[in-house]
């Protein structure tokens, strides 16, 4: 599997890991209805989920992650 594919899969999984619980929590504990529930969960998940990116370097393609709760950009092995 290429690093770009891994980055896409990791981004999807990390987004879903935040979106689904927040969707449930927003639905259960707020007064929001209709399209506001998934839109709010989408915004929260987009802000909180880590971002993965494949970058071509001199040594080959590498996978990096940036997250709001960690300092700087880190390489994923």
N, C-alpha and C. Protein backbone atom coordinates (compact mmCIF):
# COMPACT_ATOMS: atom_id res chain seq x y z
N UNK A 1 0.85 -1.17 0.00
CA UNK A 1 0.00 0.00 0.00
C UNK A 1 0.90 1.24 0.00
N UNK A 2 0.60 2.19 -0.86
CA UNK A 2 1.42 3.39 -0.95
C UNK A 2 1.15 4.31 0.25
N UNK A 3 2.08 5.21 0.48
CA UNK A 3 1.95 6.15 1.61
C UNK A 3 0.75 7.09 1.42
N UNK A 4 0.46 7.46 0.18
CA UNK A 4 -0.71 8.32 -0.07
C UNK A 4 -1.99 7.60 0.30
N UNK A 5 -2.07 6.31 -0.02
CA UNK A 5 -3.25 5.52 0.33
C UNK A 5 -3.36 5.37 1.84
N UNK A 6 -2.23 5.13 2.50
CA UNK A 6 -2.24 5.03 3.96
C UNK A 6 -2.71 6.34 4.59
N UNK A 7 -2.23 7.46 4.07
CA UNK A 7 -2.64 8.76 4.59
C UNK A 7 -4.14 8.95 4.44
N UNK A 8 -4.69 8.57 3.29
CA UNK A 8 -6.13 8.69 3.06
C UNK A 8 -6.91 7.82 4.04
N UNK A 9 -6.48 6.58 4.21
CA UNK A 9 -7.17 5.65 5.11
C UNK A 9 -7.07 6.14 6.55
N UNK A 10 -5.88 6.57 6.97
CA UNK A 10 -5.71 7.08 8.34
C UNK A 10 -6.56 8.33 8.58
N UNK A 11 -6.62 9.22 7.60
CA UNK A 11 -7.46 10.42 7.73
C UNK A 11 -8.93 10.03 7.89
N UNK A 12 -9.38 9.07 7.09
CA UNK A 12 -10.78 8.64 7.16
C UNK A 12 -11.09 8.00 8.51
N UNK A 13 -10.21 7.10 8.96
CA UNK A 13 -10.45 6.41 10.24
C UNK A 13 -10.42 7.39 11.40
N UNK A 14 -9.45 8.31 11.41
CA UNK A 14 -9.38 9.26 12.52
C UNK A 14 -10.57 10.22 12.50
N UNK A 15 -11.03 10.62 11.31
CA UNK A 15 -12.21 11.47 11.22
C UNK A 15 -13.43 10.73 11.75
N UNK A 16 -13.60 9.48 11.32
CA UNK A 16 -14.76 8.69 11.76
C UNK A 16 -14.73 8.44 13.26
N UNK A 17 -13.53 8.26 13.81
CA UNK A 17 -13.40 8.03 15.26
C UNK A 17 -13.87 9.23 16.07
N UNK A 18 -13.79 10.41 15.51
CA UNK A 18 -14.29 11.61 16.20
C UNK A 18 -15.73 11.92 15.80
N UNK A 19 -16.08 11.71 14.54
CA UNK A 19 -17.40 12.09 14.04
C UNK A 19 -18.51 11.28 14.70
N UNK A 20 -18.38 9.97 14.71
CA UNK A 20 -19.46 9.11 15.22
C UNK A 20 -19.79 9.36 16.69
N UNK A 21 -18.81 9.40 17.59
CA UNK A 21 -19.18 9.70 18.99
C UNK A 21 -19.77 11.10 19.17
N UNK A 22 -19.21 12.08 18.48
CA UNK A 22 -19.74 13.43 18.61
C UNK A 22 -21.14 13.54 18.02
N UNK A 23 -21.41 12.83 16.94
CA UNK A 23 -22.76 12.80 16.36
C UNK A 23 -23.75 12.29 17.41
N UNK A 24 -23.39 11.19 18.07
CA UNK A 24 -24.26 10.62 19.08
C UNK A 24 -24.42 11.57 20.27
N UNK A 25 -23.31 12.14 20.75
CA UNK A 25 -23.38 13.03 21.90
C UNK A 25 -24.18 14.30 21.60
N UNK A 26 -23.99 14.85 20.43
CA UNK A 26 -24.74 16.05 20.06
C UNK A 26 -26.22 15.75 19.93
N UNK A 27 -26.54 14.62 19.35
CA UNK A 27 -27.93 14.21 19.18
C UNK A 27 -28.60 13.99 20.54
N UNK A 28 -27.87 13.36 21.45
CA UNK A 28 -28.46 12.99 22.73
C UNK A 28 -28.52 14.14 23.73
N UNK A 29 -27.49 15.00 23.76
CA UNK A 29 -27.38 15.97 24.85
C UNK A 29 -27.57 17.43 24.46
N UNK A 30 -27.88 17.71 23.20
CA UNK A 30 -28.16 19.10 22.82
C UNK A 30 -29.56 19.18 22.24
N UNK A 31 -30.02 20.36 22.05
CA UNK A 31 -31.34 20.57 21.48
C UNK A 31 -31.31 20.72 19.96
N UNK A 32 -30.19 20.42 19.34
CA UNK A 32 -30.09 20.56 17.90
C UNK A 32 -30.93 19.50 17.18
N UNK A 33 -31.48 19.88 16.03
CA UNK A 33 -32.27 18.94 15.24
C UNK A 33 -31.90 19.07 13.77
N UNK A 34 -32.32 18.11 13.00
CA UNK A 34 -32.15 18.17 11.55
C UNK A 34 -30.70 18.12 11.12
N UNK A 35 -30.39 18.94 10.13
CA UNK A 35 -29.05 18.95 9.54
C UNK A 35 -28.00 19.55 10.47
N UNK A 36 -28.41 20.23 11.53
CA UNK A 36 -27.44 20.84 12.44
C UNK A 36 -26.63 19.80 13.21
N UNK A 37 -27.19 18.63 13.44
CA UNK A 37 -26.47 17.57 14.16
C UNK A 37 -25.26 17.10 13.36
N UNK A 38 -25.43 16.61 12.13
CA UNK A 38 -24.24 16.16 11.39
C UNK A 38 -23.27 17.28 11.02
N UNK A 39 -23.80 18.47 10.78
CA UNK A 39 -22.91 19.59 10.45
C UNK A 39 -22.03 19.95 11.64
N UNK A 40 -22.60 19.99 12.83
CA UNK A 40 -21.83 20.29 14.03
C UNK A 40 -20.81 19.18 14.31
N UNK A 41 -21.22 17.94 14.17
CA UNK A 41 -20.30 16.81 14.38
C UNK A 41 -19.17 16.85 13.35
N UNK A 42 -19.49 17.23 12.11
CA UNK A 42 -18.48 17.35 11.06
C UNK A 42 -17.44 18.40 11.41
N UNK A 43 -17.89 19.56 11.85
CA UNK A 43 -16.97 20.65 12.19
C UNK A 43 -16.07 20.25 13.36
N UNK A 44 -16.66 19.66 14.38
CA UNK A 44 -15.88 19.23 15.55
C UNK A 44 -14.86 18.17 15.15
N UNK A 45 -15.28 17.18 14.38
CA UNK A 45 -14.37 16.11 13.95
C UNK A 45 -13.26 16.65 13.05
N UNK A 46 -13.58 17.59 12.19
CA UNK A 46 -12.57 18.18 11.31
C UNK A 46 -11.52 18.92 12.12
N UNK A 47 -11.94 19.61 13.16
CA UNK A 47 -11.00 20.36 13.98
C UNK A 47 -10.15 19.46 14.89
N UNK A 48 -10.73 18.39 15.40
CA UNK A 48 -10.04 17.57 16.40
C UNK A 48 -9.25 16.40 15.82
N UNK A 49 -9.62 15.89 14.67
CA UNK A 49 -8.97 14.71 14.11
C UNK A 49 -7.56 15.04 13.63
N UNK A 50 -6.62 14.10 13.83
CA UNK A 50 -5.27 14.32 13.30
C UNK A 50 -5.25 14.32 11.78
N UNK A 51 -4.33 15.07 11.20
CA UNK A 51 -4.22 15.16 9.73
C UNK A 51 -2.96 14.42 9.29
N UNK A 52 -3.10 13.49 8.37
CA UNK A 52 -1.99 12.71 7.83
C UNK A 52 -1.69 13.19 6.42
N UNK A 53 -0.39 13.17 6.06
CA UNK A 53 0.00 13.60 4.73
C UNK A 53 1.25 12.84 4.30
N UNK A 54 1.24 12.36 3.05
CA UNK A 54 2.40 11.72 2.46
C UNK A 54 3.21 12.77 1.72
N UNK A 55 4.53 12.75 1.96
CA UNK A 55 5.42 13.74 1.36
C UNK A 55 6.60 13.01 0.73
N UNK A 56 6.93 13.41 -0.49
CA UNK A 56 8.10 12.85 -1.16
C UNK A 56 9.33 13.62 -0.72
N UNK A 57 10.32 12.90 -0.20
CA UNK A 57 11.57 13.51 0.25
C UNK A 57 12.74 12.89 -0.51
N UNK A 58 13.94 13.31 -0.17
CA UNK A 58 15.15 12.76 -0.79
C UNK A 58 15.29 11.27 -0.52
N UNK A 59 14.84 10.84 0.66
CA UNK A 59 14.97 9.43 1.07
C UNK A 59 13.77 8.59 0.65
N UNK A 60 12.84 9.15 -0.06
CA UNK A 60 11.63 8.43 -0.47
C UNK A 60 10.40 9.06 0.13
N UNK A 61 9.29 8.40 -0.05
CA UNK A 61 8.02 8.94 0.45
C UNK A 61 7.89 8.67 1.95
N UNK A 62 7.46 9.68 2.69
CA UNK A 62 7.29 9.55 4.14
C UNK A 62 5.88 10.01 4.52
N UNK A 63 5.42 9.49 5.63
CA UNK A 63 4.09 9.81 6.14
C UNK A 63 4.24 10.66 7.40
N UNK A 64 3.56 11.80 7.43
CA UNK A 64 3.63 12.72 8.57
C UNK A 64 2.23 12.95 9.12
N UNK A 65 2.18 13.30 10.41
CA UNK A 65 0.91 13.58 11.07
C UNK A 65 1.04 14.89 11.85
N UNK A 66 -0.04 15.65 11.81
CA UNK A 66 -0.14 16.88 12.60
C UNK A 66 -1.46 16.81 13.36
N UNK A 67 -1.38 17.15 14.64
CA UNK A 67 -2.57 17.06 15.47
C UNK A 67 -2.61 18.26 16.39
N UNK A 68 -3.81 18.74 16.68
CA UNK A 68 -3.98 19.93 17.51
C UNK A 68 -3.45 19.70 18.93
N UNK A 69 -3.42 18.44 19.39
CA UNK A 69 -3.00 18.15 20.76
C UNK A 69 -1.52 17.79 20.88
N UNK A 70 -0.80 17.77 19.75
CA UNK A 70 0.64 17.51 19.80
C UNK A 70 1.38 18.69 19.20
N UNK A 71 2.60 18.86 19.61
CA UNK A 71 3.37 20.00 19.17
C UNK A 71 4.15 19.63 17.89
N UNK A 72 3.97 20.40 16.85
CA UNK A 72 4.71 20.19 15.63
C UNK A 72 4.20 19.05 14.76
N UNK A 73 5.00 18.72 13.75
CA UNK A 73 4.67 17.65 12.81
C UNK A 73 5.56 16.46 13.14
N UNK A 74 4.97 15.26 13.15
CA UNK A 74 5.71 14.05 13.50
C UNK A 74 5.66 13.05 12.37
N UNK A 75 6.74 12.31 12.21
CA UNK A 75 6.78 11.27 11.18
C UNK A 75 6.15 9.99 11.72
N UNK A 76 5.33 9.35 10.88
CA UNK A 76 4.70 8.08 11.23
C UNK A 76 5.54 6.98 10.61
N UNK A 77 5.90 5.98 11.38
CA UNK A 77 6.75 4.91 10.85
C UNK A 77 5.95 3.77 10.32
